[in-house]
Amino acid sequence: MVSQAEISEINTYFQNRMAESKKIWATRGKDARIAAAAAKANAPPTWRQLKGIPLMIHEIKHVGNRPFMVGFGLVSVGALWLQTKFTDEMKKDSLYWSTYHLKENKSAH
């Protein structure tokens, strides 16, 4: 009926399943959670644990964000260039600047 090869194949399958189950069971419980937390604390941080400048640097390096970063850089450089070219005469002629930033005209604010 059932050959020796089929029996060994079935036994191998169940032994593999048992090994997998034991591995899963080992990850459960309080001791396993403590061990997993200790291993995670010793590992380098993933992008989800990064904050502030390290996260910004990580995002800048990411290949998917390169087009955005190129655009951001161009807009930043353009804004800085325009700001350096904004003379005092242009500031006085600007309705916004003269209303909110000019020191002489505080009553209009």
Protein backbone atom coordinates (compact mmCIF):
# COMPACT_ATOMS: atom_id res chain seq x y z
CA MET A 1 0.00 0.00 0.00
CA VAL A 2 2.29 2.76 1.23
CA SER A 3 5.89 2.48 0.20
CA GLN A 4 8.87 3.12 2.46
CA ALA A 5 9.76 6.25 0.42
CA GLU A 6 6.32 7.75 1.02
CA ILE A 7 6.54 6.98 4.74
CA SER A 8 9.95 8.69 5.01
CA GLU A 9 8.62 11.68 3.03
CA ILE A 10 5.66 12.01 5.41
CA ASN A 11 7.93 11.67 8.45
CA THR A 12 10.29 14.31 7.07
CA TYR A 13 7.36 16.65 6.44
CA PHE A 14 6.06 16.28 10.01
CA GLN A 15 9.56 16.68 11.48
CA ASN A 16 9.99 19.93 9.55
CA ARG A 17 6.57 21.11 10.71
CA MET A 18 7.47 20.25 14.32
CA ALA A 19 10.77 22.15 14.04
CA GLU A 20 8.89 25.15 12.63
CA SER A 21 6.32 24.98 15.42
CA LYS A 22 9.03 24.79 18.08
CA LYS A 23 10.72 27.84 16.58
CA ILE A 24 7.42 29.75 16.72
CA TRP A 25 6.72 28.58 20.27
CA ALA A 26 10.18 29.79 21.33
CA THR A 27 9.27 33.35 20.29
CA ARG A 28 6.25 33.45 22.58
CA GLY A 29 6.11 34.30 26.27
CA LYS A 30 7.63 36.85 28.59
CA ASP A 31 11.21 35.53 28.36
CA ALA A 32 11.11 35.53 24.58
CA ARG A 33 9.80 39.12 24.50
CA ILE A 34 12.58 40.21 26.87
CA ALA A 35 15.17 38.49 24.66
CA ALA A 36 13.69 40.07 21.51
CA ALA A 37 13.73 43.54 23.12
CA ALA A 38 17.38 43.07 24.15
CA ALA A 39 18.32 41.98 20.63
CA LYS A 40 16.47 44.98 19.17
CA ALA A 41 18.22 47.38 21.57
CA ASN A 42 21.64 46.12 20.45
CA ALA A 43 20.79 46.34 16.73
CA PRO A 44 21.34 49.56 14.76
CA PRO A 45 18.20 51.71 14.54
CA THR A 46 15.88 51.26 11.60
CA TRP A 47 14.42 54.26 9.82
CA ARG A 48 11.35 54.01 12.05
CA GLN A 49 13.45 54.74 15.16
CA LEU A 50 15.29 57.69 13.58
CA LYS A 51 14.33 61.24 14.55
CA GLY A 52 15.35 64.73 13.53
CA ILE A 53 18.51 65.24 11.49
CA PRO A 54 19.41 61.52 11.17
CA LEU A 55 15.94 60.83 9.72
CA MET A 56 16.28 63.78 7.33
CA ILE A 57 19.68 62.54 6.14
CA HIS A 58 18.27 59.04 5.68
CA GLU A 59 15.37 60.39 3.60
CA ILE A 60 17.71 62.54 1.49
CA LYS A 61 19.84 59.47 0.71
CA HIS A 62 16.81 57.37 -0.29
CA VAL A 63 16.75 56.86 -4.05
CA GLY A 64 13.00 57.42 -4.32
CA ASN A 65 13.27 60.89 -2.84
CA ARG A 66 15.97 62.18 -5.21
CA PRO A 67 13.62 64.01 -7.60
CA PHE A 68 11.93 65.68 -4.65
CA MET A 69 15.27 66.63 -3.11
CA VAL A 70 16.52 68.08 -6.40
CA GLY A 71 13.38 70.22 -6.63
CA PHE A 72 13.62 71.20 -2.98
CA GLY A 73 17.26 72.19 -3.44
CA LEU A 74 16.51 74.26 -6.53
CA VAL A 75 13.64 76.08 -4.83
CA SER A 76 15.79 76.71 -1.73
CA VAL A 77 18.70 78.07 -3.75
CA GLY A 78 16.31 80.22 -5.82
CA ALA A 79 14.65 81.63 -2.68
CA LEU A 80 18.03 82.44 -1.13
CA TRP A 81 19.20 84.08 -4.35
CA LEU A 82 16.03 86.19 -4.57
CA GLN A 83 16.33 87.20 -0.93
CA THR A 84 19.90 88.40 -1.42
CA LYS A 85 18.77 90.48 -4.43
CA PHE A 86 15.90 92.12 -2.45
CA THR A 87 17.31 95.62 -1.88
CA ASP A 88 16.18 98.23 0.64
CA GLU A 89 14.59 100.23 -2.16
CA MET A 90 12.55 97.20 -3.22
CA LYS A 91 11.53 96.65 0.41
CA LYS A 92 10.18 100.20 0.69
CA ASP A 93 8.18 99.79 -2.54
CA SER A 94 6.73 96.45 -1.40
CA LEU A 95 3.25 96.81 0.13
CA TYR A 96 3.71 93.68 2.27
CA TRP A 97 7.19 94.58 3.50
CA SER A 98 6.33 98.20 4.24
CA THR A 99 3.15 97.19 6.07
CA TYR A 100 4.51 94.44 8.31
CA HIS A 101 8.30 94.79 8.52
CA LEU A 102 9.26 98.40 8.00
CA LYS A 103 10.22 99.98 11.34
CA GLU A 104 8.86 103.46 10.48
CA ASN A 105 5.30 102.30 9.80
CA LYS A 106 4.22 100.53 13.01
CA SER A 107 0.74 102.19 13.14
CA ALA A 108 -0.45 100.39 9.97
CA HIS A 109 0.16 97.00 11.55
